[in-house]
């Protein structure tokens, strides 16, 4: 998978490693992966951290840490739905 800039490539590679280490997979749907990686990358550029693109930050760095991808909701979301909210990670 190719991305248009280094931040996107870095986040994608990190997500692949994290998925493997966590026992999950990245979504097999190319478009979903690209949209999720681009949203996370935009947050990294604009907010300084790779926050999940599907959850709103509140501006409190300490509380927002839970939204850094993979966010603290991922495991529960995958258990319930088979995928995290943005569908980047799947069971």
PDB file of N, CA and C in Angstrom:
ATOM      1  N   UNK A   1       0.848  -1.169   0.000  1.00  0.00           N
ATOM      2  CA  UNK A   1       0.000   0.000   0.000  1.00  0.00           C
ATOM      3  C   UNK A   1       0.892   1.230   0.000  1.00  0.00           C
ATOM      4  N   UNK A   2       0.583   2.178  -0.866  1.00  0.00           N
ATOM      5  CA  UNK A   2       1.387   3.388  -0.963  1.00  0.00           C
ATOM      6  C   UNK A   2       0.603   4.601  -0.508  1.00  0.00           C
ATOM      7  N   UNK A   3       1.299   5.484   0.190  1.00  0.00           N
ATOM      8  CA  UNK A   3       0.677   6.712   0.661  1.00  0.00           C
ATOM      9  C   UNK A   3       1.451   7.900   0.127  1.00  0.00           C
ATOM     10  N   UNK A   4       0.799   9.058   0.164  1.00  0.00           N
ATOM     11  CA  UNK A   4       1.359  10.239  -0.479  1.00  0.00           C
ATOM     12  C   UNK A   4       2.407  10.978   0.342  1.00  0.00           C
ATOM     13  N   UNK A   5       2.548  10.647   1.616  1.00  0.00           N
ATOM     14  CA  UNK A   5       3.575  11.340   2.401  1.00  0.00           C
ATOM     15  C   UNK A   5       4.122  10.437   3.505  1.00  0.00           C
ATOM     16  N   UNK A   6       5.178  10.906   4.114  1.00  0.00           N
ATOM     17  CA  UNK A   6       5.878  10.104   5.124  1.00  0.00           C
ATOM     18  C   UNK A   6       5.038   9.841   6.370  1.00  0.00           C
ATOM     19  N   UNK A   7       4.237  10.814   6.786  1.00  0.00           N
ATOM     20  CA  UNK A   7       3.417  10.613   7.985  1.00  0.00           C
ATOM     21  C   UNK A   7       2.425   9.479   7.747  1.00  0.00           C
ATOM     22  N   UNK A   8       1.766   9.480   6.598  1.00  0.00           N
ATOM     23  CA  UNK A   8       0.806   8.423   6.283  1.00  0.00           C
ATOM     24  C   UNK A   8       1.498   7.064   6.230  1.00  0.00           C
ATOM     25  N   UNK A   9       2.650   7.007   5.586  1.00  0.00           N
ATOM     26  CA  UNK A   9       3.391   5.744   5.495  1.00  0.00           C
ATOM     27  C   UNK A   9       3.813   5.253   6.868  1.00  0.00           C
ATOM     28  N   UNK A  10       4.280   6.164   7.699  1.00  0.00           N
ATOM     29  CA  UNK A  10       4.711   5.810   9.057  1.00  0.00           C
ATOM     30  C   UNK A  10       3.537   5.274   9.881  1.00  0.00           C
ATOM     31  N   UNK A  11       2.398   5.931   9.799  1.00  0.00           N
ATOM     32  CA  UNK A  11       1.228   5.492  10.566  1.00  0.00           C
ATOM     33  C   UNK A  11       0.732   4.148  10.046  1.00  0.00           C
ATOM     34  N   UNK A  12       0.732   3.962   8.746  1.00  0.00           N
ATOM     35  CA  UNK A  12       0.310   2.683   8.173  1.00  0.00           C
ATOM     36  C   UNK A  12       1.216   1.550   8.652  1.00  0.00           C
ATOM     37  N   UNK A  13       2.527   1.744   8.571  1.00  0.00           N
ATOM     38  CA  UNK A  13       3.474   0.707   9.004  1.00  0.00           C
ATOM     39  C   UNK A  13       3.311   0.410  10.492  1.00  0.00           C
ATOM     40  N   UNK A  14       3.118   1.440  11.279  1.00  0.00           N
ATOM     41  CA  UNK A  14       2.915   1.264  12.714  1.00  0.00           C
ATOM     42  C   UNK A  14       1.618   0.490  12.981  1.00  0.00           C
ATOM     43  N   UNK A  15       0.559   0.801  12.239  1.00  0.00           N
ATOM     44  CA  UNK A  15      -0.719   0.107  12.410  1.00  0.00           C
ATOM     45  C   UNK A  15      -0.593  -1.369  12.034  1.00  0.00           C
ATOM     46  N   UNK A  16       0.155  -1.660  10.974  1.00  0.00           N
ATOM     47  CA  UNK A  16       0.367  -3.062  10.575  1.00  0.00           C
ATOM     48  C   UNK A  16       1.060  -3.844  11.679  1.00  0.00           C
ATOM     49  N   UNK A  17       2.106  -3.260  12.241  1.00  0.00           N
ATOM     50  CA  UNK A  17       2.853  -3.909  13.320  1.00  0.00           C
ATOM     51  C   UNK A  17       1.961  -4.090  14.539  1.00  0.00           C
ATOM     52  N   UNK A  18       1.226  -3.030  14.900  1.00  0.00           N
ATOM     53  CA  UNK A  18       0.360  -3.103  16.066  1.00  0.00           C
ATOM     54  C   UNK A  18      -0.718  -4.157  15.886  1.00  0.00           C
ATOM     55  N   UNK A  19      -1.299  -4.226  14.703  1.00  0.00           N
ATOM     56  CA  UNK A  19      -2.341  -5.231  14.443  1.00  0.00           C
ATOM     57  C   UNK A  19      -1.786  -6.634  14.652  1.00  0.00           C
ATOM     58  N   UNK A  20      -0.631  -6.885  14.096  1.00  0.00           N
ATOM     59  CA  UNK A  20      -0.018  -8.213  14.207  1.00  0.00           C
ATOM     60  C   UNK A  20       0.290  -8.548  15.665  1.00  0.00           C
ATOM     61  N   UNK A  21       0.872  -7.598  16.389  1.00  0.00           N
ATOM     62  CA  UNK A  21       1.236  -7.832  17.781  1.00  0.00           C
ATOM     63  C   UNK A  21       0.016  -7.996  18.677  1.00  0.00           C
ATOM     64  N   UNK A  22      -1.116  -7.414  18.273  1.00  0.00           N
ATOM     65  CA  UNK A  22      -2.334  -7.459  19.079  1.00  0.00           C
ATOM     66  C   UNK A  22      -3.263  -8.610  18.711  1.00  0.00           C
ATOM     67  N   UNK A  23      -2.905  -9.335  17.659  1.00  0.00           N
ATOM     68  CA  UNK A  23      -3.749 -10.440  17.229  1.00  0.00           C
ATOM     69  C   UNK A  23      -4.903 -10.015  16.337  1.00  0.00           C
ATOM     70  N   UNK A  24      -4.845  -8.784  15.831  1.00  0.00           N
ATOM     71  CA  UNK A  24      -5.872  -8.294  14.921  1.00  0.00           C
ATOM     72  C   UNK A  24      -5.291  -8.222  13.512  1.00  0.00           C
ATOM     73  N   UNK A  25      -6.110  -7.736  12.578  1.00  0.00           N
ATOM     74  CA  UNK A  25      -5.662  -7.489  11.207  1.00  0.00           C
ATOM     75  C   UNK A  25      -6.102  -6.095  10.820  1.00  0.00           C
ATOM     76  N   UNK A  26      -5.467  -5.570   9.795  1.00  0.00           N
ATOM     77  CA  UNK A  26      -5.997  -4.344   9.215  1.00  0.00           C
ATOM     78  C   UNK A  26      -7.141  -4.747   8.298  1.00  0.00           C
ATOM     79  N   UNK A  27      -8.088  -3.867   8.162  1.00  0.00           N
ATOM     80  CA  UNK A  27      -9.252  -4.140   7.334  1.00  0.00           C
ATOM     81  C   UNK A  27      -8.809  -4.516   5.922  1.00  0.00           C
ATOM     82  N   UNK A  28      -9.364  -5.553   5.335  1.00  0.00           N
ATOM     83  CA  UNK A  28      -8.970  -5.930   3.974  1.00  0.00           C
ATOM     84  C   UNK A  28      -9.504  -4.971   2.902  1.00  0.00           C
ATOM     85  N   UNK A  29     -10.406  -4.067   3.284  1.00  0.00           N
ATOM     86  CA  UNK A  29     -10.946  -3.087   2.345  1.00  0.00           C
ATOM     87  C   UNK A  29      -9.965  -1.919   2.220  1.00  0.00           C
ATOM     88  N   UNK A  30      -9.331  -1.823   1.071  1.00  0.00           N
ATOM     89  CA  UNK A  30      -8.309  -0.808   0.801  1.00  0.00           C
ATOM     90  C   UNK A  30      -8.817   0.600   1.104  1.00  0.00           C
ATOM     91  N   UNK A  31     -10.019   0.932   0.648  1.00  0.00           N
ATOM     92  CA  UNK A  31     -10.554   2.282   0.818  1.00  0.00           C
ATOM     93  C   UNK A  31     -10.734   2.650   2.281  1.00  0.00           C
ATOM     94  N   UNK A  32     -11.176   1.707   3.090  1.00  0.00           N
ATOM     95  CA  UNK A  32     -11.349   1.973   4.522  1.00  0.00           C
ATOM     96  C   UNK A  32     -10.004   2.242   5.181  1.00  0.00           C
ATOM     97  N   UNK A  33      -9.011   1.438   4.843  1.00  0.00           N
ATOM     98  CA  UNK A  33      -7.671   1.635   5.419  1.00  0.00           C
ATOM     99  C   UNK A  33      -7.124   3.004   5.025  1.00  0.00           C
ATOM    100  N   UNK A  34      -7.242   3.358   3.757  1.00  0.00           N
ATOM    101  CA  UNK A  34      -6.722   4.651   3.286  1.00  0.00           C
ATOM    102  C   UNK A  34      -7.431   5.797   3.999  1.00  0.00           C
ATOM    103  N   UNK A  35      -8.751   5.741   4.099  1.00  0.00           N
ATOM    104  CA  UNK A  35      -9.492   6.820   4.775  1.00  0.00           C
ATOM    105  C   UNK A  35      -9.081   6.935   6.240  1.00  0.00           C
ATOM    106  N   UNK A  36      -8.945   5.809   6.934  1.00  0.00           N
ATOM    107  CA  UNK A  36      -8.566   5.834   8.347  1.00  0.00           C
ATOM    108  C   UNK A  36      -7.152   6.382   8.520  1.00  0.00           C
ATOM    109  N   UNK A  37      -6.210   5.928   7.709  1.00  0.00           N
ATOM    110  CA  UNK A  37      -4.821   6.388   7.816  1.00  0.00           C
ATOM    111  C   UNK A  37      -4.733   7.885   7.518  1.00  0.00           C
ATOM    112  N   UNK A  38      -5.460   8.348   6.521  1.00  0.00           N
ATOM    113  CA  UNK A  38      -5.449   9.782   6.193  1.00  0.00           C
ATOM    114  C   UNK A  38      -6.024  10.616   7.340  1.00  0.00           C
ATOM    115  N   UNK A  39      -7.094  10.141   7.976  1.00  0.00           N
ATOM    116  CA  UNK A  39      -7.688  10.868   9.099  1.00  0.00           C
ATOM    117  C   UNK A  39      -6.724  10.922  10.286  1.00  0.00           C
ATOM    118  N   UNK A  40      -6.097   9.803  10.584  1.00  0.00           N
ATOM    119  CA  UNK A  40      -5.124   9.761  11.683  1.00  0.00           C
ATOM    120  C   UNK A  40      -3.933  10.673  11.369  1.00  0.00           C
ATOM    121  N   UNK A  41      -3.475  10.647  10.132  1.00  0.00           N
ATOM    122  CA  UNK A  41      -2.351  11.491   9.701  1.00  0.00           C
ATOM    123  C   UNK A  41      -2.692  12.971   9.797  1.00  0.00           C
ATOM    124  N   UNK A  42      -3.908  13.325   9.415  1.00  0.00           N
ATOM    125  CA  UNK A  42      -4.342  14.725   9.530  1.00  0.00           C
ATOM    126  C   UNK A  42      -4.317  15.165  10.985  1.00  0.00           C
ATOM    127  N   UNK A  43      -4.773  14.301  11.882  1.00  0.00           N
ATOM    128  CA  UNK A  43      -4.720  14.634  13.307  1.00  0.00           C
ATOM    129  C   UNK A  43      -3.288  14.795  13.785  1.00  0.00           C
ATOM    130  N   UNK A  44      -2.401  13.949  13.304  1.00  0.00           N
ATOM    131  CA  UNK A  44      -0.977  14.057  13.683  1.00  0.00           C
ATOM    132  C   UNK A  44      -0.418  15.415  13.241  1.00  0.00           C
ATOM    133  N   UNK A  45      -0.718  15.806  12.000  1.00  0.00           N
ATOM    134  CA  UNK A  45      -0.230  17.094  11.487  1.00  0.00           C
ATOM    135  C   UNK A  45      -0.869  18.280  12.209  1.00  0.00           C
ATOM    136  N   UNK A  46      -2.173  18.217  12.425  1.00  0.00           N
ATOM    137  CA  UNK A  46      -2.899  19.364  12.975  1.00  0.00           C
ATOM    138  C   UNK A  46      -2.862  19.450  14.501  1.00  0.00           C
ATOM    139  N   UNK A  47      -2.844  18.294  15.163  1.00  0.00           N
ATOM    140  CA  UNK A  47      -2.937  18.287  16.627  1.00  0.00           C
ATOM    141  C   UNK A  47      -1.686  17.764  17.313  1.00  0.00           C
ATOM    142  N   UNK A  48      -0.743  17.241  16.525  1.00  0.00           N
ATOM    143  CA  UNK A  48       0.520  16.786  17.092  1.00  0.00           C
ATOM    144  C   UNK A  48       0.551  15.335  17.534  1.00  0.00           C
ATOM    145  N   UNK A  49      -0.584  14.665  17.498  1.00  0.00           N
ATOM    146  CA  UNK A  49      -0.661  13.259  17.902  1.00  0.00           C
ATOM    147  C   UNK A  49      -1.524  12.514  16.892  1.00  0.00           C
ATOM    148  N   UNK A  50      -1.275  11.210  16.730  1.00  0.00           N
ATOM    149  CA  UNK A  50      -2.072  10.418  15.786  1.00  0.00           C
ATOM    150  C   UNK A  50      -3.395   9.949  16.413  1.00  0.00           C
ATOM    151  N   UNK A  51      -4.269  10.909  16.671  1.00  0.00           N
ATOM    152  CA  UNK A  51      -5.555  10.577  17.277  1.00  0.00           C
ATOM    153  C   UNK A  51      -6.434   9.834  16.283  1.00  0.00           C
ATOM    154  N   UNK A  52      -7.277   8.968  16.813  1.00  0.00           N
ATOM    155  CA  UNK A  52      -8.272   8.269  16.010  1.00  0.00           C
ATOM    156  C   UNK A  52      -9.083   9.312  15.244  1.00  0.00           C
ATOM    157  N   UNK A  53      -9.341   9.020  13.982  1.00  0.00           N
ATOM    158  CA  UNK A  53     -10.096   9.956  13.172  1.00  0.00           C
ATOM    159  C   UNK A  53     -11.594   9.896  13.409  1.00  0.00           C
ATOM    160  N   UNK A  54     -12.061   8.942  14.194  1.00  0.00           N
ATOM    161  CA  UNK A  54     -13.498   8.746  14.401  1.00  0.00           C
ATOM    162  C   UNK A  54     -13.985   9.210  15.767  1.00  0.00           C
ATOM    163  N   UNK A  55     -13.066   9.687  16.568  1.00  0.00           N
ATOM    164  CA  UNK A  55     -13.466  10.139  17.906  1.00  0.00           C
ATOM    165  C   UNK A  55     -12.961  11.563  18.101  1.00  0.00           C
ATOM    166  N   UNK A  56     -13.779  12.383  18.725  1.00  0.00           N
ATOM    167  CA  UNK A  56     -13.456  13.801  18.903  1.00  0.00           C
ATOM    168  C   UNK A  56     -12.557  14.018  20.116  1.00  0.00           C
ATOM    169  N   UNK A  57     -11.489  14.760  19.899  1.00  0.00           N
ATOM    170  CA  UNK A  57     -10.639  15.163  21.016  1.00  0.00           C
ATOM    171  C   UNK A  57     -11.303  16.355  21.701  1.00  0.00           C
ATOM    172  N   UNK A  58     -10.910  16.596  22.958  1.00  0.00           N
ATOM    173  CA  UNK A  58     -11.504  17.709  23.699  1.00  0.00           C
ATOM    174  C   UNK A  58     -10.505  18.822  23.983  1.00  0.00           C
ATOM    175  N   UNK A  59      -9.252  18.599  23.605  1.00  0.00           N
ATOM    176  CA  UNK A  59      -8.243  19.627  23.832  1.00  0.00           C
ATOM    177  C   UNK A  59      -7.480  19.469  25.137  1.00  0.00           C
ATOM    178  N   UNK A  60      -7.794  18.451  25.893  1.00  0.00           N
ATOM    179  CA  UNK A  60      -7.086  18.151  27.135  1.00  0.00           C
ATOM    180  C   UNK A  60      -6.108  17.024  26.821  1.00  0.00           C
ATOM    181  N   UNK A  61      -4.815  17.365  26.747  1.00  0.00           N
ATOM    182  CA  UNK A  61      -3.805  16.387  26.326  1.00  0.00           C
ATOM    183  C   UNK A  61      -3.862  15.097  27.135  1.00  0.00           C
ATOM    184  N   UNK A  62      -4.065  15.219  28.429  1.00  0.00           N
ATOM    185  CA  UNK A  62      -4.083  14.031  29.287  1.00  0.00           C
ATOM    186  C   UNK A  62      -5.280  13.132  28.959  1.00  0.00           C
ATOM    187  N   UNK A  63      -6.449  13.707  28.846  1.00  0.00           N
ATOM    188  CA  UNK A  63      -7.647  12.917  28.536  1.00  0.00           C
ATOM    189  C   UNK A  63      -7.624  12.422  27.089  1.00  0.00           C
ATOM    190  N   UNK A  64      -7.084  13.244  26.200  1.00  0.00           N
ATOM    191  CA  UNK A  64      -7.051  12.875  24.782  1.00  0.00           C
ATOM    192  C   UNK A  64      -6.064  11.744  24.485  1.00  0.00           C
ATOM    193  N   UNK A  65      -5.145  11.453  25.410  1.00  0.00           N
ATOM    194  CA  UNK A  65      -4.192  10.356  25.197  1.00  0.00           C
ATOM    195  C   UNK A  65      -4.908   9.042  24.898  1.00  0.00           C
ATOM    196  N   UNK A  66      -6.082   8.859  25.478  1.00  0.00           N
ATOM    197  CA  UNK A  66      -6.847   7.625  25.274  1.00  0.00           C
ATOM    198  C   UNK A  66      -7.330   7.487  23.830  1.00  0.00           C
ATOM    199  N   UNK A  67      -7.239   8.572  23.048  1.00  0.00           N
ATOM    200  CA  UNK A  67      -7.714   8.554  21.664  1.00  0.00           C
ATOM    201  C   UNK A  67      -6.590   8.411  20.652  1.00  0.00           C
ATOM    202  N   UNK A  68      -5.361   8.267  21.132  1.00  0.00           N
ATOM    203  CA  UNK A  68      -4.249   8.036  20.213  1.00  0.00           C
ATOM    204  C   UNK A  68      -4.394   6.638  19.637  1.00  0.00           C
ATOM    205  N   UNK A  69      -4.328   6.558  18.332  1.00  0.00           N
ATOM    206  CA  UNK A  69      -4.524   5.277  17.635  1.00  0.00           C
ATOM    207  C   UNK A  69      -3.372   4.317  17.919  1.00  0.00           C
ATOM    208  N   UNK A  70      -3.662   3.083  18.283  1.00  0.00           N
ATOM    209  CA  UNK A  70      -4.983   2.511  18.497  1.00  0.00           C
ATOM    210  C   UNK A  70      -5.555   3.027  19.809  1.00  0.00           C
ATOM    211  N   UNK A  71      -6.783   3.511  19.748  1.00  0.00           N
ATOM    212  CA  UNK A  71      -7.388   4.141  20.921  1.00  0.00           C
ATOM    213  C   UNK A  71      -7.800   3.100  21.961  1.00  0.00           C
ATOM    214  N   UNK A  72      -8.109   3.600  23.128  1.00  0.00           N
ATOM    215  CA  UNK A  72      -8.459   2.707  24.243  1.00  0.00           C
ATOM    216  C   UNK A  72      -9.788   1.982  24.030  1.00  0.00           C
ATOM    217  N   UNK A  73     -10.567   2.389  23.039  1.00  0.00           N
ATOM    218  CA  UNK A  73     -11.852   1.757  22.753  1.00  0.00           C
ATOM    219  C   UNK A  73     -11.741   0.574  21.788  1.00  0.00           C
ATOM    220  N   UNK A  74     -10.589   0.436  21.153  1.00  0.00           N
ATOM    221  CA  UNK A  74     -10.438  -0.555  20.085  1.00  0.00           C
ATOM    222  C   UNK A  74     -10.824  -1.963  20.495  1.00  0.00           C
ATOM    223  N   UNK A  75     -10.274  -2.470  21.565  1.00  0.00           N
ATOM    224  CA  UNK A  75     -10.529  -3.863  21.955  1.00  0.00           C
ATOM    225  C   UNK A  75     -12.016  -4.109  22.224  1.00  0.00           C
ATOM    226  N   UNK A  76     -12.641  -3.174  22.931  1.00  0.00           N
ATOM    227  CA  UNK A  76     -14.062  -3.318  23.236  1.00  0.00           C
ATOM    228  C   UNK A  76     -14.894  -3.249  21.950  1.00  0.00           C
ATOM    229  N   UNK A  77     -14.548  -2.324  21.058  1.00  0.00           N
ATOM    230  CA  UNK A  77     -15.262  -2.201  19.784  1.00  0.00           C
ATOM    231  C   UNK A  77     -15.131  -3.474  18.946  1.00  0.00           C
ATOM    232  N   UNK A  78     -13.922  -4.014  18.887  1.00  0.00           N
ATOM    233  CA  UNK A  78     -13.701  -5.227  18.095  1.00  0.00           C
ATOM    234  C   UNK A  78     -14.465  -6.402  18.703  1.00  0.00           C
ATOM    235  N   UNK A  79     -14.481  -6.473  20.023  1.00  0.00           N
ATOM    236  CA  UNK A  79     -15.220  -7.541  20.693  1.00  0.00           C
ATOM    237  C   UNK A  79     -16.719  -7.454  20.365  1.00  0.00           C
ATOM    238  N   UNK A  80     -17.261  -6.234  20.352  1.00  0.00           N
ATOM    239  CA  UNK A  80     -18.693  -6.031  20.094  1.00  0.00           C
ATOM    240  C   UNK A  80     -19.062  -6.124  18.619  1.00  0.00           C
ATOM    241  N   UNK A  81     -18.256  -5.474  17.745  1.00  0.00           N
ATOM    242  CA  UNK A  81     -18.644  -5.288  16.352  1.00  0.00           C
ATOM    243  C   UNK A  81     -17.774  -6.033  15.345  1.00  0.00           C
ATOM    244  N   UNK A  82     -16.639  -6.541  15.816  1.00  0.00           N
ATOM    245  CA  UNK A  82     -15.719  -7.192  14.899  1.00  0.00           C
ATOM    246  C   UNK A  82     -14.736  -6.237  14.263  1.00  0.00           C
ATOM    247  N   UNK A  83     -14.864  -4.945  14.602  1.00  0.00           N
ATOM    248  CA  UNK A  83     -13.968  -3.913  14.081  1.00  0.00           C
ATOM    249  C   UNK A  83     -13.976  -2.722  15.037  1.00  0.00           C
ATOM    250  N   UNK A  84     -12.904  -1.950  15.005  1.00  0.00           N
ATOM    251  CA  UNK A  84     -12.918  -0.727  15.788  1.00  0.00           C
ATOM    252  C   UNK A  84     -13.842   0.286  15.099  1.00  0.00           C
ATOM    253  N   UNK A  85     -14.118   1.401  15.738  1.00  0.00           N
ATOM    254  CA  UNK A  85     -15.094   2.357  15.212  1.00  0.00           C
ATOM    255  C   UNK A  85     -14.755   2.825  13.803  1.00  0.00           C
ATOM    256  N   UNK A  86     -13.491   3.121  13.540  1.00  0.00           N
ATOM    257  CA  UNK A  86     -13.119   3.584  12.195  1.00  0.00           C
ATOM    258  C   UNK A  86     -12.902   2.420  11.230  1.00  0.00           C
ATOM    259  N   UNK A  87     -12.950   1.219  11.761  1.00  0.00           N
ATOM    260  CA  UNK A  87     -12.817  -0.023  10.979  1.00  0.00           C
ATOM    261  C   UNK A  87     -11.419  -0.259  10.422  1.00  0.00           C
ATOM    262  N   UNK A  88     -10.418   0.423  10.959  1.00  0.00           N
ATOM    263  CA  UNK A  88      -9.044   0.160  10.550  1.00  0.00           C
ATOM    264  C   UNK A  88      -8.620  -1.232  11.014  1.00  0.00           C
ATOM    265  N   UNK A  89      -8.919  -1.538  12.275  1.00  0.00           N
ATOM    266  CA  UNK A  89      -8.571  -2.840  12.857  1.00  0.00           C
ATOM    267  C   UNK A  89      -9.794  -3.753  12.861  1.00  0.00           C
ATOM    268  N   UNK A  90      -9.583  -5.000  12.497  1.00  0.00           N
ATOM    269  CA  UNK A  90     -10.668  -5.995  12.497  1.00  0.00           C
ATOM    270  C   UNK A  90     -10.169  -7.269  13.170  1.00  0.00           C
ATOM    271  N   UNK A  91     -11.157  -8.072  13.605  1.00  0.00           N
ATOM    272  CA  UNK A  91     -10.832  -9.338  14.256  1.00  0.00           C
ATOM    273  C   UNK A  91     -10.326 -10.353  13.244  1.00  0.00           C
TER     274      UNK A  91
END
